Amino acid sequence: MTRKTVTEQYPDAQPDLPPRTRGVIGLFEENCTVCMLCARECPDWCIYIDSHKETVPAAAPGGRERSRNVLDRFAIDFALCMYCGICIEVCPFDALFWSPEFEYAETDIRELTHERDKLREWMWTVPAPPALDPGAEEPKEIAAARKTAEKLAAARTTPETETAPATQDTQAGRATPPGPDNPQGGGA
């Protein structure tokens, strides 16, 4: 409020964007398993996916053949997309990422449907994830796993409590099991 406003001279000067800017969605095709979660969760239905099944031969002799989905088409219609990011959040295999690129305007609205080749090109503009904050709280999952590991390590290092075996009867030379008359077991 104390400074004069300055108009940024875009496109001569590129704007300084925040690190988590939502521009366009990039596709890392190698991670996509065609699970269709992104298309099902999209509130605008702007993601189009086509695939086919392919049979993979057995890896070992005597094994069985497997089938896997092969991606034929992955397209996002950015004319419909509302940039909510649900598709990126629900992707279990990290195949979709936000790119800060925002310069993809077209003269024809039909050209705003980006096919997988174009989405793959946007992946090169995705920034690296930020480094973990050293002062941040440890994630709950890691804390729970660490506690479990410490409990297992402690159980291994402590000597196992030995159960009292039936004592030898000194006169008969045989073991006497514990019973209602003799809770300790052993001979009389």
Protein backbone atom coordinates (compact mmCIF):
# COMPACT_ATOMS: atom_id res chain seq x y z
CA MET A 1 0.00 0.00 0.00
CA THR A 2 2.92 2.36 0.50
CA ARG A 3 4.42 1.72 -2.94
CA LYS A 4 3.19 2.78 -6.35
CA THR A 5 1.64 0.06 -8.45
CA VAL A 6 3.72 -1.02 -11.38
CA THR A 7 2.26 -2.61 -14.48
CA GLU A 8 4.21 -5.64 -15.57
CA GLN A 9 5.09 -5.37 -19.24
CA TYR A 10 3.99 -8.84 -20.32
CA PRO A 11 4.95 -10.36 -22.90
CA ASP A 12 8.16 -8.32 -23.00
CA ALA A 13 8.88 -9.21 -19.36
CA GLN A 14 7.88 -12.65 -18.12
CA PRO A 15 6.00 -12.64 -14.80
CA ASP A 16 7.61 -14.03 -11.67
CA LEU A 17 5.27 -16.91 -10.84
CA PRO A 18 4.91 -18.55 -7.41
CA PRO A 19 6.46 -22.02 -7.22
CA ARG A 20 3.11 -23.87 -7.01
CA THR A 21 1.42 -22.13 -9.94
CA ARG A 22 -1.29 -24.14 -11.70
CA GLY A 23 -0.80 -23.68 -15.38
CA VAL A 24 -1.27 -26.76 -17.52
CA ILE A 25 -1.29 -30.48 -16.71
CA GLY A 26 1.62 -32.62 -17.87
CA LEU A 27 1.47 -36.39 -18.45
CA PHE A 28 4.29 -38.76 -17.47
CA GLU A 29 3.12 -41.54 -19.77
CA GLU A 30 5.43 -44.25 -18.43
CA ASN A 31 3.65 -44.15 -15.05
CA CYS A 32 0.11 -44.31 -16.46
CA THR A 33 -1.53 -47.71 -15.94
CA VAL A 34 -4.86 -46.71 -17.53
CA CYS A 35 -6.66 -47.10 -14.21
CA MET A 36 -9.15 -44.40 -15.32
CA LEU A 37 -9.32 -42.79 -11.85
CA CYS A 38 -8.54 -39.34 -13.22
CA ALA A 39 -11.29 -39.54 -15.84
CA ARG A 40 -13.87 -40.88 -13.36
CA GLU A 41 -13.14 -38.26 -10.70
CA CYS A 42 -13.02 -35.28 -13.08
CA PRO A 43 -16.09 -33.11 -12.36
CA ASP A 44 -16.01 -31.64 -15.89
CA TRP A 45 -15.43 -34.92 -17.75
CA CYS A 46 -12.68 -33.27 -19.76
CA ILE A 47 -10.24 -36.21 -19.72
CA TYR A 48 -10.50 -38.74 -22.55
CA ILE A 49 -8.71 -42.08 -22.25
CA ASP A 50 -8.68 -44.98 -24.71
CA SER A 51 -6.76 -48.21 -24.20
CA HIS A 52 -6.58 -51.83 -25.20
CA LYS A 53 -5.43 -55.01 -23.46
CA GLU A 54 -2.24 -56.72 -24.53
CA THR A 55 -1.11 -60.20 -23.55
CA VAL A 56 2.35 -60.41 -22.04
CA PRO A 57 4.10 -63.79 -22.35
CA ALA A 58 5.06 -65.69 -19.22
CA ALA A 59 8.24 -64.48 -17.54
CA ALA A 60 9.33 -67.96 -16.51
CA PRO A 61 8.79 -71.32 -18.14
CA GLY A 62 5.60 -72.89 -16.86
CA GLY A 63 4.21 -69.50 -15.82
CA ARG A 64 0.99 -68.03 -17.07
CA GLU A 65 0.47 -65.21 -19.50
CA ARG A 66 -0.54 -61.84 -18.12
CA SER A 67 -2.60 -59.08 -19.65
CA ARG A 68 -1.94 -55.38 -19.23
CA ASN A 69 -3.59 -52.18 -20.38
CA VAL A 70 -1.85 -50.18 -23.07
CA LEU A 71 -2.59 -46.48 -23.42
CA ASP A 72 -3.88 -45.51 -26.87
CA ARG A 73 -5.19 -42.02 -26.20
CA PHE A 74 -4.93 -39.61 -23.29
CA ALA A 75 -6.34 -36.16 -23.92
CA ILE A 76 -7.41 -33.24 -21.75
CA ASP A 77 -9.80 -30.60 -23.05
CA PHE A 78 -8.51 -27.38 -21.47
CA ALA A 79 -11.54 -25.51 -22.81
CA LEU A 80 -13.59 -27.48 -20.25
CA CYS A 81 -11.00 -27.96 -17.51
CA MET A 82 -11.55 -25.88 -14.37
CA TYR A 83 -8.03 -26.57 -12.98
CA CYS A 84 -9.31 -28.11 -9.76
CA GLY A 85 -6.42 -30.60 -9.61
CA ILE A 86 -8.56 -33.57 -8.59
CA CYS A 87 -7.09 -35.68 -11.41
CA ILE A 88 -3.57 -35.04 -10.13
CA GLU A 89 -4.50 -35.80 -6.53
CA VAL A 90 -6.27 -39.11 -7.26
CA CYS A 91 -3.61 -40.49 -9.61
CA PRO A 92 -2.08 -43.38 -7.59
CA PHE A 93 0.97 -43.72 -9.85
CA ASP A 94 2.09 -40.07 -10.19
CA ALA A 95 1.42 -39.82 -13.90
CA LEU A 96 -0.09 -36.29 -13.84
CA PHE A 97 1.69 -33.13 -12.70
CA TRP A 98 1.08 -29.38 -12.62
CA SER A 99 3.26 -27.32 -14.91
CA PRO A 100 3.56 -23.56 -14.36
CA GLU A 101 3.27 -22.93 -18.11
CA PHE A 102 0.30 -20.72 -18.91
CA GLU A 103 0.98 -19.67 -22.48
CA TYR A 104 -1.05 -22.15 -24.49
CA ALA A 105 -3.79 -19.96 -25.91
CA GLU A 106 -5.20 -20.99 -29.28
CA THR A 107 -7.21 -19.17 -31.93
CA ASP A 108 -9.57 -22.14 -32.31
CA ILE A 109 -11.24 -23.63 -29.23
CA ARG A 110 -11.00 -27.13 -30.72
CA GLU A 111 -7.21 -26.93 -30.49
CA LEU A 112 -7.39 -26.67 -26.69
CA THR A 113 -7.82 -30.45 -26.50
CA HIS A 114 -4.26 -31.55 -25.90
CA GLU A 115 -3.41 -35.12 -26.84
CA ARG A 116 -0.79 -37.19 -25.04
CA ASP A 117 2.08 -35.98 -27.23
CA LYS A 118 1.40 -32.38 -26.23
CA LEU A 119 0.84 -33.35 -22.58
CA ARG A 120 4.18 -35.20 -22.61
CA GLU A 121 5.90 -32.01 -23.81
CA TRP A 122 4.54 -30.13 -20.80
CA MET A 123 6.37 -32.56 -18.48
CA TRP A 124 9.70 -30.89 -19.28
CA THR A 125 8.41 -27.68 -17.68
CA VAL A 126 7.33 -29.31 -14.40
CA PRO A 127 9.56 -28.01 -11.58
CA ALA A 128 11.35 -30.37 -9.24
CA PRO A 129 9.55 -30.99 -5.96
CA PRO A 130 10.59 -28.65 -3.16
CA ALA A 131 13.04 -29.93 -0.59
CA LEU A 132 11.59 -31.13 2.68
CA ASP A 133 11.49 -28.52 5.41
CA PRO A 134 13.98 -29.60 8.10
CA GLY A 135 11.81 -28.05 10.83
CA ALA A 136 8.59 -29.69 9.66
CA GLU A 137 6.71 -32.26 11.69
CA GLU A 138 7.42 -35.86 10.76
CA PRO A 139 4.62 -37.47 8.71
CA LYS A 140 2.31 -39.69 10.76
CA GLU A 141 2.98 -42.72 8.56
CA ILE A 142 6.73 -42.52 9.08
CA ALA A 143 6.32 -41.95 12.84
CA ALA A 144 4.07 -45.02 13.14
CA ALA A 145 6.50 -47.15 11.14
CA ARG A 146 9.42 -45.97 13.28
CA LYS A 147 7.58 -46.82 16.53
CA THR A 148 6.78 -50.31 15.25
CA ALA A 149 10.40 -50.86 14.20
CA GLU A 150 11.64 -49.71 17.61
CA LYS A 151 9.24 -52.08 19.38
CA LEU A 152 10.44 -55.00 17.23
CA ALA A 153 14.07 -54.11 17.87
CA ALA A 154 13.45 -53.86 21.61
CA ALA A 155 11.69 -57.24 21.62
CA ARG A 156 14.66 -58.86 19.88
CA THR A 157 17.27 -57.44 22.24
CA THR A 158 15.52 -58.32 25.49
CA PRO A 159 15.95 -61.95 26.57
CA GLU A 160 12.86 -63.99 26.06
CA THR A 161 11.05 -64.84 29.25
CA GLU A 162 11.43 -68.49 29.81
CA THR A 163 8.39 -70.45 30.76
CA ALA A 164 8.99 -72.61 33.82
CA PRO A 165 9.26 -76.18 32.58
CA ALA A 166 7.90 -78.95 34.65
CA THR A 167 10.49 -79.66 37.33
CA GLN A 168 12.02 -83.06 37.79
CA ASP A 169 10.68 -85.20 40.57
CA THR A 170 13.80 -86.05 42.51
CA GLN A 171 12.53 -89.30 43.90
CA ALA A 172 10.82 -90.77 40.83
CA GLY A 173 13.10 -89.15 38.24
CA ARG A 174 10.17 -87.97 36.15
CA ALA A 175 8.49 -84.61 35.53
CA THR A 176 5.41 -83.75 37.54
CA PRO A 177 3.00 -81.48 35.68
CA PRO A 178 1.41 -78.62 37.56
CA GLY A 179 -2.08 -79.39 38.82
CA PRO A 180 -4.71 -78.29 41.32
CA ASP A 181 -2.89 -79.99 44.22
CA ASN A 182 0.54 -78.86 43.06
CA PRO A 183 0.48 -75.47 41.25
CA GLN A 184 4.28 -75.29 40.98
CA GLY A 185 4.76 -78.76 39.61
CA GLY A 186 7.72 -80.88 40.55
CA GLY A 187 8.17 -83.49 43.19
CA ALA A 188 7.05 -83.49 46.82
